[in-house]
Protein backbone atom coordinates (compact mmCIF):
# COMPACT_ATOMS: atom_id res chain seq x y z
CA UNK A 1 -146.81 -77.97 231.40
CA UNK A 2 -147.40 -78.71 227.85
CA UNK A 3 -144.98 -78.89 224.78
CA UNK A 4 -146.11 -75.20 223.43
CA UNK A 5 -145.75 -74.09 227.39
CA UNK A 6 -142.16 -74.98 227.33
CA UNK A 7 -141.45 -74.03 223.92
CA UNK A 8 -142.55 -69.88 225.07
CA UNK A 9 -140.63 -70.76 227.97
CA UNK A 10 -136.90 -71.04 226.19
CA UNK A 11 -138.17 -68.48 224.00
CA UNK A 12 -138.84 -66.03 227.22
CA UNK A 13 -135.80 -67.05 228.59
CA UNK A 14 -133.84 -66.70 225.07
CA UNK A 15 -135.91 -63.03 224.74
CA UNK A 16 -134.46 -61.88 228.01
CA UNK A 17 -131.08 -63.03 227.43
CA UNK A 18 -130.99 -60.95 224.17
CA UNK A 19 -132.36 -58.24 226.19
CA UNK A 20 -129.76 -58.67 228.86
CA UNK A 21 -127.26 -58.15 226.44
CA UNK A 22 -128.76 -55.49 224.41
CA UNK A 23 -128.58 -53.58 227.59
CA UNK A 24 -125.19 -54.20 228.50
CA UNK A 25 -123.96 -53.29 224.84
CA UNK A 26 -126.36 -50.00 225.38
CA UNK A 27 -124.26 -49.65 229.16
CA UNK A 28 -120.86 -49.69 227.85
CA UNK A 29 -121.18 -47.60 224.78
CA UNK A 30 -123.22 -44.83 227.15
CA UNK A 31 -120.24 -45.10 230.33
CA UNK A 32 -117.67 -44.82 226.53
CA UNK A 33 -120.12 -42.39 225.22
CA UNK A 34 -119.79 -40.36 228.66
CA UNK A 35 -115.75 -41.05 229.64
CA UNK A 36 -115.44 -39.27 225.71
CA UNK A 37 -117.32 -36.48 226.54
CA UNK A 38 -115.78 -35.84 229.87
CA UNK A 39 -112.25 -36.19 229.08
CA UNK A 40 -113.60 -33.08 226.14
CA UNK A 41 -114.89 -31.33 229.57
CA UNK A 42 -111.94 -32.08 231.31
CA UNK A 43 -110.23 -30.76 228.45
CA UNK A 44 -111.94 -27.41 227.90
CA UNK A 45 -112.81 -26.84 232.07
CA UNK A 46 -109.87 -28.26 233.31
CA UNK A 47 -109.86 -30.81 236.99
CA UNK A 48 -111.92 -30.01 240.06
CA UNK A 49 -110.00 -27.59 242.22
CA UNK A 50 -110.05 -29.11 244.82
CA UNK A 51 -110.36 -26.88 247.49
CA UNK A 52 -113.77 -28.06 249.12
CA UNK A 53 -113.77 -30.12 251.97
CA UNK A 54 -113.05 -33.90 251.90
CA UNK A 55 -110.96 -33.52 248.40
CA UNK A 56 -108.52 -36.00 248.08
CA UNK A 57 -104.83 -35.06 247.62
CA UNK A 58 -103.63 -37.59 246.02
CA UNK A 59 -104.29 -41.18 244.37
CA UNK A 60 -105.59 -44.17 245.85
CA UNK A 61 -103.45 -47.11 245.26
CA UNK A 62 -105.93 -49.30 244.22
CA UNK A 63 -106.43 -49.33 240.42
CA UNK A 64 -110.21 -49.72 240.23
CA UNK A 65 -110.67 -47.84 243.06
CA UNK A 66 -113.41 -44.69 242.18
CA UNK A 67 -111.75 -41.07 243.22
CA UNK A 68 -113.96 -38.63 244.59
CA UNK A 69 -114.40 -36.10 241.73
CA UNK A 70 -117.08 -33.38 241.92
CA UNK A 71 -117.47 -31.17 238.20
CA UNK A 72 -120.46 -30.92 236.05
CA UNK A 73 -120.36 -33.45 233.69
CA UNK A 74 -122.03 -33.52 229.64
CA UNK A 75 -125.38 -32.46 229.66
CA UNK A 76 -125.51 -30.82 233.32
CA UNK A 77 -125.08 -34.19 235.41
CA UNK A 78 -123.22 -33.91 238.06
CA UNK A 79 -120.24 -36.17 238.75
CA UNK A 80 -119.35 -37.40 242.12
CA UNK A 81 -116.45 -39.83 241.07
CA UNK A 82 -114.47 -41.29 238.25
CA UNK A 83 -111.99 -43.91 237.88
CA UNK A 84 -108.97 -44.23 238.40
CA UNK A 85 -108.65 -45.55 235.35
CA UNK A 86 -110.34 -42.91 233.43
CA UNK A 87 -108.02 -40.31 235.12
CA UNK A 88 -104.61 -42.33 234.22
CA UNK A 89 -106.23 -42.97 230.74
CA UNK A 90 -107.13 -38.81 230.80
CA UNK A 91 -103.28 -37.98 232.01
CA UNK A 92 -101.27 -40.12 229.60
CA UNK A 93 -101.14 -38.43 226.70
CA UNK A 94 -99.55 -34.99 228.64
CA UNK A 95 -97.11 -36.98 231.54
CA UNK A 96 -95.13 -33.28 231.97
CA UNK A 97 -92.04 -33.82 231.50
CA UNK A 98 -89.01 -35.45 232.95
CA UNK A 99 -88.50 -32.62 235.54
CA UNK A 100 -91.87 -31.48 236.37
CA UNK A 101 -94.28 -34.36 235.18
CA UNK A 102 -95.81 -37.22 236.73
CA UNK A 103 -99.00 -40.03 236.98
CA UNK A 104 -102.32 -38.26 236.83
CA UNK A 105 -104.06 -36.78 239.85
CA UNK A 106 -107.32 -36.10 241.47
CA UNK A 107 -107.30 -32.42 241.10
CA UNK A 108 -105.63 -28.59 240.49
CA UNK A 109 -104.12 -28.66 244.06
CA UNK A 110 -102.84 -31.62 244.46
CA UNK A 111 -101.44 -31.23 241.31
CA UNK A 112 -99.97 -27.90 243.36
CA UNK A 113 -99.11 -30.39 245.80
CA UNK A 114 -97.09 -32.85 244.14
CA UNK A 115 -95.55 -30.21 241.66
CA UNK A 116 -93.54 -28.52 244.78
CA UNK A 117 -92.86 -31.80 245.88
CA UNK A 118 -91.30 -32.16 242.39
CA UNK A 119 -89.69 -28.56 243.41
CA UNK A 120 -87.97 -28.52 246.41
CA UNK A 121 -86.56 -32.27 245.61
CA UNK A 122 -84.48 -30.76 241.93
CA UNK A 123 -84.13 -27.84 244.55
CA UNK A 124 -82.21 -30.00 246.78
CA UNK A 125 -79.96 -32.54 244.61
CA UNK A 126 -78.61 -28.96 243.17
CA UNK A 127 -75.49 -26.71 244.22
CA UNK A 128 -74.28 -23.31 243.76
CA UNK A 129 -74.56 -21.79 240.30
CA UNK A 130 -76.24 -24.65 238.81
CA UNK A 131 -79.38 -23.91 242.03
CA UNK A 132 -79.20 -20.57 241.50
CA UNK A 133 -79.78 -20.98 237.73
CA UNK A 134 -82.79 -23.37 238.53
CA UNK A 135 -84.75 -20.85 240.87
CA UNK A 136 -84.41 -18.61 238.71
CA UNK A 137 -85.70 -20.08 235.63
CA UNK A 138 -88.59 -20.67 238.22
CA UNK A 139 -89.26 -17.50 239.15
CA UNK A 140 -88.36 -14.77 235.78
CA UNK A 141 -91.71 -16.08 234.15
CA UNK A 142 -93.92 -15.74 237.01
CA UNK A 143 -92.97 -11.75 238.02
CA UNK A 144 -96.19 -9.92 237.10
CA UNK A 145 -93.93 -6.62 237.43
CA UNK A 146 -90.83 -5.05 236.45
CA UNK A 147 -89.78 -4.29 239.96
CA UNK A 148 -90.21 -7.66 240.94
CA UNK A 149 -88.30 -8.87 237.51
CA UNK A 150 -85.34 -6.79 238.52
CA UNK A 151 -85.09 -7.95 242.32
CA UNK A 152 -85.05 -11.54 240.54
CA UNK A 153 -82.33 -11.09 238.13
CA UNK A 154 -80.13 -8.97 241.47
CA UNK A 155 -80.88 -12.01 243.56
CA UNK A 156 -79.50 -14.33 241.10
CA UNK A 157 -76.49 -12.79 239.85
CA UNK A 158 -75.53 -11.95 243.41
CA UNK A 159 -75.90 -15.83 243.62
CA UNK A 160 -78.55 -15.88 246.56
CA UNK A 161 -80.11 -18.95 246.25
CA UNK A 162 -81.83 -18.58 249.81
CA UNK A 163 -83.96 -16.06 248.65
CA UNK A 164 -84.78 -17.03 245.24
CA UNK A 165 -85.97 -20.34 247.25
CA UNK A 166 -87.78 -18.02 249.96
CA UNK A 167 -89.78 -16.24 247.19
CA UNK A 168 -89.98 -19.53 245.04
CA UNK A 169 -92.26 -21.48 247.93
CA UNK A 170 -94.30 -17.90 249.49
CA UNK A 171 -95.49 -18.71 245.69
CA UNK A 172 -96.30 -22.02 246.22
CA UNK A 173 -97.52 -21.95 249.88
CA UNK A 174 -99.99 -18.31 248.42
CA UNK A 175 -101.84 -20.63 245.77
CA UNK A 176 -102.53 -23.96 248.75
CA UNK A 177 -103.47 -21.06 251.17
CA UNK A 178 -107.04 -21.17 252.24
CA UNK A 179 -108.30 -17.35 250.94
CA UNK A 180 -108.81 -14.88 253.84
CA UNK A 181 -109.56 -11.05 254.36
CA UNK A 182 -106.88 -8.92 253.86
CA UNK A 183 -105.43 -7.46 257.45
CA UNK A 184 -106.60 -3.69 257.51
CA UNK A 185 -103.03 -2.90 257.77
CA UNK A 186 -101.87 -3.35 254.52
CA UNK A 187 -105.19 -2.04 252.91
CA UNK A 188 -105.38 1.54 255.10
CA UNK A 189 -103.04 4.47 253.83
CA UNK A 190 -99.66 5.40 255.49
CA UNK A 191 -100.46 8.40 257.16
CA UNK A 192 -98.56 11.62 259.20
CA UNK A 193 -99.85 10.34 262.15
CA UNK A 194 -98.30 7.10 261.75
CA UNK A 195 -95.04 7.46 261.43
CA UNK A 196 -95.40 11.33 263.85
CA UNK A 197 -93.68 9.11 266.73
CA UNK A 198 -90.85 7.71 265.60
CA UNK A 199 -87.62 9.68 267.36
CA UNK A 200 -85.97 9.53 263.96
CA UNK A 201 -85.48 9.46 260.29
CA UNK A 202 -83.91 5.53 260.96
CA UNK A 203 -87.06 4.66 262.60
CA UNK A 204 -89.85 6.47 260.38
CA UNK A 205 -88.08 3.91 257.27
CA UNK A 206 -88.49 0.83 259.45
CA UNK A 207 -92.31 2.06 260.01
CA UNK A 208 -92.42 2.61 256.36
CA UNK A 209 -90.67 -0.50 255.00
CA UNK A 210 -92.78 -2.64 257.69
CA UNK A 211 -95.81 -1.31 255.92
CA UNK A 212 -94.56 -2.47 252.39
CA UNK A 213 -94.03 -5.38 254.34
CA UNK A 214 -97.22 -6.15 255.23
CA UNK A 215 -98.52 -5.10 251.48
CA UNK A 216 -96.76 -7.61 250.20
CA UNK A 217 -97.70 -10.05 252.21
CA UNK A 218 -101.57 -9.23 250.93
CA UNK A 219 -100.76 -9.59 247.88
CA UNK A 220 -99.27 -12.88 248.45
CA UNK A 221 -102.81 -14.56 249.66
CA UNK A 222 -105.83 -15.18 247.42
CA UNK A 223 -108.58 -13.22 249.22
CA UNK A 224 -111.65 -15.14 247.49
CA UNK A 225 -111.63 -18.68 245.64
CA UNK A 226 -111.90 -17.30 242.39
CA UNK A 227 -107.98 -15.04 243.19
CA UNK A 228 -106.67 -18.60 244.57
CA UNK A 229 -108.07 -20.47 240.92
CA UNK A 230 -105.91 -17.29 239.36
CA UNK A 231 -102.88 -18.05 241.76
CA UNK A 232 -102.96 -21.91 240.84
CA UNK A 233 -103.06 -21.76 236.54
CA UNK A 234 -100.65 -18.77 236.89
CA UNK A 235 -98.17 -20.39 238.99
CA UNK A 236 -98.82 -24.07 237.22
CA UNK A 237 -98.60 -22.05 233.39
CA UNK A 238 -95.53 -19.75 233.90
CA UNK A 239 -93.66 -22.95 236.17
CA UNK A 240 -91.66 -23.84 233.22
CA UNK A 241 -92.03 -22.64 229.35
CA UNK A 242 -90.97 -26.83 228.30
CA UNK A 243 -93.85 -27.61 225.69
CA UNK A 244 -94.45 -31.12 227.35
CA UNK A 245 -95.28 -29.31 230.94
CA UNK A 246 -97.03 -26.43 228.94
CA UNK A 247 -99.34 -29.27 227.36
CA UNK A 248 -99.74 -30.95 231.60
CA UNK A 249 -100.93 -27.95 232.61
CA UNK A 250 -103.81 -27.34 229.80
CA UNK A 251 -104.93 -31.00 230.90
CA UNK A 252 -104.83 -29.77 234.44
CA UNK A 253 -106.41 -26.55 234.04
CA UNK A 254 -108.36 -26.55 231.27
CA UNK A 255 -107.85 -24.93 227.57
CA UNK A 256 -110.18 -21.48 228.86
CA UNK A 257 -108.25 -20.85 232.18
CA UNK A 258 -104.42 -21.13 230.46
CA UNK A 259 -105.95 -19.03 227.30
CA UNK A 260 -107.02 -17.03 230.20
CA UNK A 261 -104.01 -16.89 232.28
CA UNK A 262 -101.86 -16.44 229.16
CA UNK A 263 -104.00 -13.49 227.53
CA UNK A 264 -103.86 -11.63 231.12
CA UNK A 265 -99.43 -12.29 231.61
CA UNK A 266 -99.10 -10.89 228.66
CA UNK A 267 -100.02 -7.13 228.81
CA UNK A 268 -97.60 -7.28 231.87
CA UNK A 269 -94.75 -9.11 229.97
CA UNK A 270 -95.55 -5.69 227.36
CA UNK A 271 -95.46 -3.40 230.44
CA UNK A 272 -92.09 -4.57 231.34
CA UNK A 273 -90.78 -4.86 227.93
CA UNK A 274 -91.55 -0.18 226.73
CA UNK A 275 -90.15 0.22 230.68
CA UNK A 276 -86.70 -1.72 229.58
CA UNK A 277 -87.90 0.84 226.34
CA UNK A 278 -87.87 3.83 228.37
CA UNK A 279 -84.85 2.82 230.63
CA UNK A 280 -83.27 2.37 227.29
CA UNK A 281 -83.75 5.51 226.10
CA UNK A 282 -82.40 7.06 229.40
CA UNK A 283 -79.52 5.55 229.10
CA UNK A 284 -78.71 5.87 225.56
CA UNK A 285 -79.40 9.63 225.73
CA UNK A 286 -76.87 9.69 228.50
CA UNK A 287 -74.37 7.51 226.75
CA UNK A 288 -74.86 10.20 223.76
CA UNK A 289 -73.92 12.65 226.26
CA UNK A 290 -71.17 10.85 227.28
CA UNK A 291 -70.32 9.86 223.74
CA UNK A 292 -70.26 13.40 222.92
CA UNK A 293 -67.31 14.33 225.32
CA UNK A 294 -65.64 10.66 224.87
CA UNK A 295 -65.55 12.11 220.70
CA UNK A 296 -64.02 15.12 221.61
CA UNK A 297 -61.57 13.52 223.59
CA UNK A 298 -61.04 11.25 221.19
CA UNK A 299 -60.52 13.57 218.28
CA UNK A 300 -58.03 15.53 220.29
CA UNK A 301 -56.10 12.32 220.67
CA UNK A 302 -56.61 11.28 217.69
CA UNK A 303 -55.10 14.97 216.00
CA UNK A 304 -51.91 13.92 219.43
CA UNK A 305 -51.45 10.72 217.63
CA UNK A 306 -51.04 11.95 213.81
CA UNK A 307 -48.97 14.88 215.02
CA UNK A 308 -46.40 12.44 216.88
CA UNK A 309 -47.23 9.59 213.85
CA UNK A 310 -46.02 12.90 211.50
CA UNK A 311 -43.01 14.09 213.83
CA UNK A 312 -42.01 9.95 214.22
CA UNK A 313 -41.70 9.69 210.91
CA UNK A 314 -39.76 12.64 210.17
CA UNK A 315 -37.21 11.51 212.91
CA UNK A 316 -37.48 8.71 211.21
CA UNK A 317 -36.78 9.91 207.56
CA UNK A 318 -33.56 12.16 209.31
CA UNK A 319 -32.57 9.42 211.14
CA UNK A 320 -33.15 7.29 207.59
CA UNK A 321 -30.59 10.06 205.86
CA UNK A 322 -28.30 10.58 209.23
CA UNK A 323 -27.64 6.82 208.63
CA UNK A 324 -26.55 7.03 205.09
CA UNK A 325 -24.69 9.66 205.50
CA UNK A 326 -22.92 8.10 208.35
CA UNK A 327 -22.52 4.97 206.08
CA UNK A 328 -20.69 7.16 203.60
CA UNK A 329 -18.41 8.75 205.77
CA UNK A 330 -17.74 5.44 207.44
CA UNK A 331 -17.28 4.26 203.64
CA UNK A 332 -15.15 7.20 203.02
CA UNK A 333 -13.66 6.51 206.04
CA UNK A 334 -13.01 3.22 205.30
CA UNK A 335 -11.32 3.86 202.38
CA UNK A 336 -8.76 6.67 204.01
CA UNK A 337 -7.90 4.39 206.19
CA UNK A 338 -6.89 1.56 203.23
CA UNK A 339 -5.05 4.85 201.66
CA UNK A 340 -3.24 5.51 205.33
CA UNK A 341 -2.65 2.10 205.07
CA UNK A 342 -0.79 1.62 202.18
CA UNK A 343 0.69 4.91 202.48
CA UNK A 344 1.98 3.80 205.38
CA UNK A 345 3.31 0.50 204.13
CA UNK A 346 5.68 2.80 201.26
CA UNK A 347 6.48 5.33 203.72
CA UNK A 348 8.29 2.60 206.09
CA UNK A 349 9.72 0.47 202.90
CA UNK A 350 10.69 4.23 201.98
CA UNK A 351 12.03 4.75 205.28
CA UNK A 352 14.11 1.34 205.27
CA UNK A 353 15.73 2.15 202.40
CA UNK A 354 16.71 5.87 203.39
CA UNK A 355 17.83 4.41 206.93
CA UNK A 356 20.44 2.21 204.10
CA UNK A 357 21.16 4.99 202.37
CA UNK A 358 22.18 7.02 205.42
CA UNK A 359 24.02 4.24 206.69
CA UNK A 360 25.64 3.82 203.10
CA UNK A 361 26.52 7.47 203.33
CA UNK A 362 27.58 7.48 207.07
CA UNK A 363 30.25 4.96 206.04
CA UNK A 364 31.64 6.49 203.14
CA UNK A 365 31.68 10.12 205.11
CA UNK A 366 33.82 7.63 207.44
CA UNK A 367 36.19 7.24 204.44
CA UNK A 368 36.23 10.23 203.53
CA UNK A 369 37.50 11.47 207.11
CA UNK A 370 39.96 8.42 207.43
CA UNK A 371 41.20 9.82 204.08
CA UNK A 372 41.14 13.27 204.72
CA UNK A 373 43.11 12.47 207.90
CA UNK A 374 45.74 10.16 205.72
CA UNK A 375 45.70 13.63 203.64
CA UNK A 376 46.63 15.99 206.45
CA UNK A 377 48.66 13.57 207.80
CA UNK A 378 50.80 13.08 204.12
CA UNK A 379 50.78 16.52 203.71
CA UNK A 380 52.23 17.82 206.57
CA UNK A 381 54.27 15.06 206.24
CA UNK A 382 55.08 16.68 203.07
CA UNK A 383 55.68 20.00 204.61
CA UNK A 384 58.18 18.56 206.69
CA UNK A 385 60.27 16.82 204.14
CA UNK A 386 60.35 20.25 202.04
CA UNK A 387 61.70 21.95 204.73
CA UNK A 388 64.45 19.74 205.63
CA UNK A 389 65.51 19.68 202.05
CA UNK A 390 65.41 23.95 201.91
CA UNK A 391 66.51 23.66 205.08
CA UNK A 392 64.61 25.82 206.18
CA UNK A 393 62.80 25.64 210.28
CA UNK A 394 59.23 26.03 210.52
CA UNK A 395 57.40 28.85 211.66
CA UNK A 396 57.08 29.13 214.74
CA UNK A 397 53.10 30.41 215.98
């Protein structure tokens, strides 16, 4: 080979290497563009539903594995699989929060299965009032009618955790079940001939309740794939109001389905609110009727209380006056007692002096009596001497 041929060979090899490099860079760029476009497409439309035959139920363990992922990609190009790294990166911005969050999932039904396991684990770890509150929080935004909401509230108030758990798991299982035709027994109208063979009113009530149970069961089972998708989105969106969880739900079901689900639930909540408003008006009317009677009783009670208060004040005033009079009389009595004590002391002193005077008078009277005796004796002796001197005899009695 000539020198020129060798130069051309080297030049061709270098050119081929350059073309390979450029082709590699172009392929990587296209892969990056396709991955970015796929992420935006997933954000709008959501993950594959996962209801088809052979759809994966969980992510593979190998970090470099390809995940079956049937979806229409950017430009209408069908996609059969994606890398696990792409899904991990897609879910990295929306882990879902502490309670319900978790790793990436390959489709929407896989997310429902993962959430069911999370819910069952949270329920098992709680007990008593905490478990009832947890179940109520999971169910309260799921209800679609006022009657369902009242039932959930009643079960929560009664502390019936088993019934709440059964209702929650029934909703999750209904989203996982494959669609099936409605039971004719639930779609046909209950007629008189259906209950005419009942022997008693209790049997008729049981037949009617059985019919209602079948209707309720038929409503929980999706009729087609479209209704099943709606139920999955409704379940995930209204499972928790946590912002982190809502962000993950947007990533799983897509913004279109998320917005339509929220928009569908809003009129239901509005109808519940209006129903509550009507009940409040009815209760308020009954309350006002009761208040009218209570108001009359309150007036009568107030008047009676006022009269009793006036009488009480009158008696208090009278008692005060009487107490003042008693105090005055007591003061006068005390003064009289003091005067009587003083007079008694004076009288006692006068009596003592009178006793001394009487004793002196008695002594004087005694002395006077003795003196009179002496006078009478001396008078007799004088008379006797006069008679002797005169020589006369005393007259005879």
